[in-house]
Protein backbone atom coordinates (compact mmCIF):
# COMPACT_ATOMS: atom_id res chain seq x y z
CA MET A 1 -27.48 2.29 -0.17
CA THR A 2 -26.87 3.53 3.37
CA THR A 3 -23.43 4.92 4.19
CA THR A 4 -22.31 4.88 7.83
CA ARG A 5 -19.05 6.37 8.98
CA ILE A 6 -17.37 4.44 11.80
CA LEU A 7 -14.45 5.11 14.16
CA GLN A 8 -14.96 8.86 13.79
CA GLY A 9 -13.22 10.59 16.69
CA GLU A 10 -11.32 7.41 17.53
CA ILE A 11 -8.77 7.57 14.71
CA THR A 12 -7.24 10.29 12.56
CA ASP A 13 -9.57 12.11 10.16
CA THR A 14 -7.04 11.47 7.40
CA LEU A 15 -8.36 7.91 7.27
CA LEU A 16 -12.09 7.74 6.54
CA VAL A 17 -13.76 4.46 7.44
CA GLU A 18 -17.25 3.83 6.11
CA LYS A 19 -19.71 0.99 5.72
CA ARG A 20 -21.58 1.18 2.43
CA GLY A 21 -24.08 -1.64 2.26
CA ARG A 22 -22.12 -4.90 2.37
CA THR A 23 -18.80 -3.21 1.61
CA GLY A 24 -16.32 -1.56 3.96
CA TRP A 25 -14.55 1.49 2.55
CA ILE A 26 -11.21 2.86 3.75
CA THR A 27 -10.21 6.18 2.20
CA PHE A 28 -6.77 7.75 2.58
CA ASN A 29 -7.93 11.30 3.06
CA ASP A 30 -5.20 13.88 2.58
CA PRO A 31 -5.65 15.05 -1.03
CA GLY A 32 -3.56 18.17 -0.45
CA ARG A 33 -0.54 15.85 -0.03
CA HIS A 34 -1.79 13.40 -2.68
CA ASN A 35 -2.89 11.12 0.18
CA ALA A 36 0.67 10.51 1.32
CA VAL A 37 0.40 7.98 4.13
CA SER A 38 1.25 9.39 7.55
CA PHE A 39 2.20 7.70 10.80
CA ASP A 40 -1.35 8.26 12.08
CA MET A 41 -2.79 6.60 8.97
CA TRP A 42 -0.56 3.58 9.46
CA ALA A 43 -1.62 3.37 13.11
CA ALA A 44 -5.33 3.64 12.26
CA LEU A 45 -5.41 1.11 9.43
CA PRO A 46 -5.39 -2.05 11.63
CA GLN A 47 -8.26 -0.60 13.69
CA ALA A 48 -10.33 -0.01 10.58
CA LEU A 49 -9.65 -3.50 9.26
CA ALA A 50 -10.48 -5.08 12.62
CA ALA A 51 -13.84 -3.28 12.71
CA PHE A 52 -14.77 -4.75 9.33
CA GLU A 53 -13.51 -8.20 10.31
CA GLN A 54 -15.95 -8.20 13.23
CA ASP A 55 -18.92 -7.10 11.12
CA ASP A 56 -20.54 -10.14 9.53
CA GLU A 57 -22.52 -7.95 7.13
CA VAL A 58 -19.33 -6.71 5.46
CA ARG A 59 -18.39 -9.06 2.65
CA SER A 60 -15.47 -7.15 1.12
CA ILE A 61 -13.31 -4.06 1.69
CA VAL A 62 -12.31 -1.30 -0.73
CA LEU A 63 -9.26 0.90 -0.20
CA THR A 64 -9.05 4.14 -2.15
CA GLY A 65 -7.73 7.70 -2.05
CA ALA A 66 -9.62 10.96 -1.65
CA GLY A 67 -9.87 13.28 -4.64
CA GLU A 68 -9.03 12.64 -8.26
CA ARG A 69 -5.23 12.75 -8.32
CA ALA A 70 -3.94 9.98 -6.07
CA PHE A 71 -4.55 6.62 -4.48
CA VAL A 72 -1.56 6.99 -2.16
CA SER A 73 1.50 8.88 -3.36
CA GLY A 74 3.88 7.22 -0.92
CA ALA A 75 4.93 7.95 2.64
CA ASN A 76 4.55 11.46 4.04
CA ILE A 77 8.07 12.78 3.44
CA ALA A 78 7.43 15.76 5.73
CA GLN A 79 7.48 13.36 8.70
CA PHE A 80 10.80 11.74 7.85
CA ASP A 81 13.06 14.09 9.79
CA ASN A 82 11.18 13.37 13.02
CA LEU A 83 9.95 9.83 12.50
CA ARG A 84 12.47 8.18 10.16
CA SER A 85 15.79 9.56 11.38
CA GLY A 86 17.82 7.77 14.05
CA GLU A 87 17.79 4.04 14.72
CA GLU A 88 15.11 4.04 17.43
CA ALA A 89 12.76 6.33 15.50
CA VAL A 90 13.14 4.33 12.30
CA ALA A 91 12.55 1.05 14.15
CA ALA A 92 9.38 2.43 15.78
CA TYR A 93 8.04 3.74 12.47
CA GLU A 94 8.81 0.49 10.69
CA GLN A 95 7.05 -1.50 13.38
CA VAL A 96 3.82 0.49 13.03
CA ALA A 97 3.93 0.48 9.22
CA GLU A 98 4.71 -3.22 9.12
CA ALA A 99 1.80 -4.00 11.45
CA ALA A 100 -0.56 -2.06 9.19
CA GLN A 101 0.73 -3.78 6.07
CA LEU A 102 0.37 -7.24 7.60
CA ALA A 103 -3.13 -6.49 8.91
CA LEU A 104 -4.16 -5.72 5.34
CA TYR A 105 -2.21 -8.55 3.71
CA ASP A 106 -3.55 -11.15 6.14
CA HIS A 107 -7.13 -9.86 6.35
CA ALA A 108 -9.63 -12.71 6.07
CA LYS A 109 -12.08 -10.87 3.82
CA PRO A 110 -11.52 -9.93 0.16
CA THR A 111 -9.78 -6.57 -0.27
CA LEU A 112 -9.82 -4.43 -3.41
CA ALA A 113 -7.68 -1.41 -4.26
CA ARG A 114 -9.55 1.27 -6.22
CA ILE A 115 -6.68 3.20 -7.80
CA LYS A 116 -6.96 6.57 -9.50
CA GLY A 117 -3.85 8.68 -9.99
CA TYR A 118 -0.56 8.28 -8.16
CA CYS A 119 0.15 4.85 -6.67
CA ILE A 120 3.73 5.28 -5.55
CA GLY A 121 6.13 3.65 -3.07
CA GLY A 122 4.29 2.77 0.10
CA GLY A 123 1.07 3.39 -1.78
CA LEU A 124 1.93 0.68 -4.27
CA ASN A 125 2.78 -1.64 -1.41
CA ILE A 126 -0.65 -0.97 0.13
CA ALA A 127 -2.22 -1.85 -3.21
CA LEU A 128 -0.11 -5.01 -3.48
CA CYS A 129 -1.39 -6.10 -0.05
CA CYS A 130 -4.91 -6.08 -1.52
CA ASP A 131 -6.33 -9.09 -3.33
CA ILE A 132 -7.59 -7.28 -6.44
CA ARG A 133 -6.32 -4.02 -7.94
CA ILE A 134 -8.47 -1.95 -10.32
CA ALA A 135 -6.96 1.22 -11.79
CA SER A 136 -8.06 4.08 -13.97
CA SER A 137 -6.08 4.56 -17.17
CA ASP A 138 -4.61 7.86 -15.89
CA SER A 139 -2.92 6.18 -12.91
CA THR A 140 0.85 5.89 -12.48
CA PHE A 141 2.95 3.42 -10.52
CA ALA A 142 6.50 3.40 -9.13
CA ILE A 143 8.73 2.34 -6.26
CA PRO A 144 11.17 5.27 -5.95
CA ALA A 145 13.04 4.01 -2.85
CA GLY A 146 16.33 4.14 -4.76
CA LYS A 147 15.82 7.83 -5.51
CA LEU A 148 15.49 8.57 -1.78
CA GLY A 149 18.12 6.24 -0.34
CA LEU A 150 15.68 4.67 2.11
CA GLY A 151 15.33 1.02 3.08
CA TYR A 152 12.42 -0.97 1.64
CA ARG A 153 11.24 -3.66 4.03
CA LEU A 154 11.47 -7.36 3.24
CA THR A 155 7.74 -8.05 3.31
CA ALA A 156 7.15 -5.23 0.82
CA ILE A 157 9.73 -6.79 -1.50
CA ARG A 158 7.98 -10.15 -0.98
CA ASN A 159 4.68 -8.57 -2.05
CA LEU A 160 6.28 -7.20 -5.20
CA VAL A 161 8.00 -10.46 -6.15
CA SER A 162 4.94 -12.62 -5.48
CA THR A 163 2.86 -10.29 -7.65
CA VAL A 164 5.06 -9.72 -10.71
CA GLY A 165 7.83 -12.32 -10.40
CA ALA A 166 11.49 -11.80 -9.61
CA ALA A 167 12.52 -10.58 -13.06
CA ASN A 168 9.93 -7.80 -13.24
CA ALA A 169 10.45 -6.96 -9.57
CA LEU A 170 14.15 -6.38 -10.21
CA GLU A 171 13.46 -3.99 -13.08
CA ILE A 172 10.76 -2.09 -11.17
CA PHE A 173 12.92 -1.72 -8.07
CA LEU A 174 16.35 -1.15 -9.59
CA THR A 175 15.26 1.46 -12.12
CA ALA A 176 12.70 3.24 -9.89
CA ASN A 177 10.90 3.80 -13.18
CA ARG A 178 7.40 5.27 -13.32
CA TYR A 179 4.86 3.16 -15.20
CA ALA A 180 1.63 4.16 -16.88
CA ALA A 181 -1.43 2.08 -16.03
CA ALA A 182 -1.29 0.01 -19.22
CA ASP A 183 2.36 -0.86 -18.58
CA ALA A 184 1.59 -1.66 -14.94
CA LYS A 185 -1.06 -4.11 -16.10
CA ALA A 186 1.35 -5.72 -18.54
CA LEU A 187 3.80 -6.22 -15.67
CA GLY A 188 1.07 -7.71 -13.47
CA LEU A 189 0.90 -4.89 -10.93
CA VAL A 190 -2.85 -4.43 -11.50
CA HIS A 191 -5.65 -6.72 -12.62
CA HIS A 192 -7.88 -4.28 -14.50
CA VAL A 193 -7.39 -0.90 -16.18
CA THR A 194 -10.45 1.12 -17.15
CA ASP A 195 -11.33 4.62 -18.27
CA ALA A 196 -11.82 6.85 -15.26
CA ALA A 197 -15.54 7.07 -16.01
CA ASP A 198 -15.84 3.26 -15.82
CA LEU A 199 -13.72 2.74 -12.71
CA ASP A 200 -16.58 2.44 -10.24
CA THR A 201 -18.65 0.26 -12.57
CA THR A 202 -15.79 -2.20 -12.92
CA LEU A 203 -15.23 -2.12 -9.17
CA GLN A 204 -18.91 -2.78 -8.45
CA THR A 205 -18.94 -5.73 -10.82
CA ARG A 206 -16.15 -7.37 -8.84
CA LEU A 207 -17.85 -6.54 -5.52
CA ASP A 208 -21.10 -8.11 -6.72
CA GLN A 209 -19.28 -11.22 -7.91
CA ILE A 210 -17.54 -11.60 -4.56
CA ALA A 211 -20.75 -11.01 -2.60
CA ALA A 212 -22.47 -13.82 -4.52
CA ASN A 213 -19.90 -16.36 -3.32
CA ALA A 214 -19.71 -18.34 -0.09
CA PRO A 215 -17.72 -16.32 2.49
CA LEU A 216 -16.19 -19.34 4.23
CA THR A 217 -14.98 -20.76 0.93
CA LEU A 218 -13.37 -17.45 -0.03
CA ARG A 219 -11.80 -17.10 3.41
CA ALA A 220 -10.30 -20.60 3.22
CA GLY A 221 -8.97 -20.17 -0.30
CA LYS A 222 -7.45 -16.77 0.41
CA ARG A 223 -5.77 -18.10 3.54
CA MET A 224 -4.23 -20.96 1.58
CA ILE A 225 -2.93 -18.63 -1.12
CA ARG A 226 -1.40 -16.35 1.50
CA GLN A 227 0.24 -19.35 3.16
CA LEU A 228 1.87 -20.26 -0.14
CA GLN A 229 3.25 -16.72 -0.38
CA GLN A 230 4.96 -16.77 3.01
CA LEU A 231 8.70 -16.30 3.35
CA GLY A 232 10.57 -19.58 3.63
CA PRO A 233 12.46 -20.57 6.80
CA GLN A 234 15.77 -20.21 4.97
CA VAL A 235 15.30 -16.44 4.57
CA ASP A 236 17.64 -14.45 6.83
CA ILE A 237 14.96 -12.09 8.17
CA ALA A 238 17.23 -10.46 10.76
CA GLY A 239 19.89 -9.88 8.13
CA MET A 240 17.37 -8.29 5.78
CA GLN A 241 16.16 -5.98 8.55
CA GLN A 242 19.75 -4.94 9.20
CA LEU A 243 20.16 -4.01 5.53
CA VAL A 244 17.08 -1.79 5.76
CA MET A 245 18.42 -0.09 8.89
CA GLN A 246 21.79 0.49 7.20
CA CYS A 247 20.02 2.38 4.43
CA PHE A 248 18.27 4.65 6.92
CA ALA A 249 21.57 5.29 8.74
CA SER A 250 23.44 6.21 5.54
CA ASP A 251 24.63 9.54 4.19
CA ASP A 252 22.77 8.68 1.00
CA TYR A 253 19.45 8.66 2.88
CA ARG A 254 20.20 12.10 4.30
CA GLU A 255 21.13 13.30 0.80
CA GLY A 256 17.94 11.81 -0.62
CA LYS A 257 15.79 13.71 1.87
CA ARG A 258 17.65 16.98 1.20
CA ALA A 259 17.38 16.56 -2.55
CA PHE A 260 13.65 15.85 -2.33
CA ALA A 261 13.06 18.94 -0.19
CA GLU A 262 15.19 21.07 -2.53
CA LYS A 263 13.53 19.61 -5.66
CA ARG A 264 16.81 18.53 -7.24
CA SER A 265 18.40 15.27 -8.30
CA PRO A 266 20.28 13.53 -5.47
CA VAL A 267 24.01 12.84 -5.61
CA PHE A 268 24.54 9.44 -4.06
CA LYS A 269 27.96 8.11 -3.00
CA GLY A 270 27.10 4.65 -1.69
CA GLN A 271 27.94 5.67 1.88
C-alpha cells in the first residue's frame, strides 16, 4: 500500500495527514503532550477533511493519535492563559474549535476513531464526532470539564447525549469519572474494544467492509442519521452559549487552571 503525505508545509506538523490506499489518515501528532489538541490542530482539521472530501479515491477516514499512550488527551492546557482567557479570546477559540468539530461531525464520508490510550475531554468529543470508534483495551475515557471549571459547548453535549443517552451522559459529565475501555463500551462510548495487538486488524476489517459498500448509499444514510441528531428549534442556543461563556469568565475557571498547573485538587466556590 502506498502512503502519501498531503498538506505538508501548509498546516501544522502536529497534524499529520496521509492517504493510505483508499483511506485517509489524520494523526494528532504531539505525543510529548499526549496529543493534546492545540489551536493549530483545530484550525488544520477542516483543511484535512476537505482534502479527503475532494478525493474520490478516499472511501473512509481514520483519526488516531501518535505514539502508544494517547488518542487525544484533551485540549492543550498550556494555551489556555493566552487563548481561553477573556471573552474575546474565548469566543475566537470556541469558533475555531466548533468549526473543526462540525467539519468532522458533518463529513460526508465514513469516519473511524482508532483509539489507544487517553481519550479525554476534547479528545473524547473528537471521537464522538466520528461514526465508528474502535479502542484498545488499555484506553481510558473521561470528560473532566467539571474539574477545570471550563464551559463545555452545546454541540459537544449533544454528541455525548446522542451517543450514550441522557442518563449516561449525566453521570459521565457530572462525575467527571474516568472509565476503562470495557466500561466505556458498556456505556456506549465505543463500538469495539480489542487487545492492543488486534486493534489494527479490527480497524482494517471495518475499513474493508465500508469500502465494499456503495459510497452514495452510505453518504445518504449517514446524512439522514445526522439530520435526526440535530438540535431542535426549541433549544435556546444563544442561552446555552452564554452559560459556556459564564464558566470561562468565572473565578472557578481561574482556580481550575491554577490547580491543574500546580498539580493539586481545585477548590471551587461556584463563583
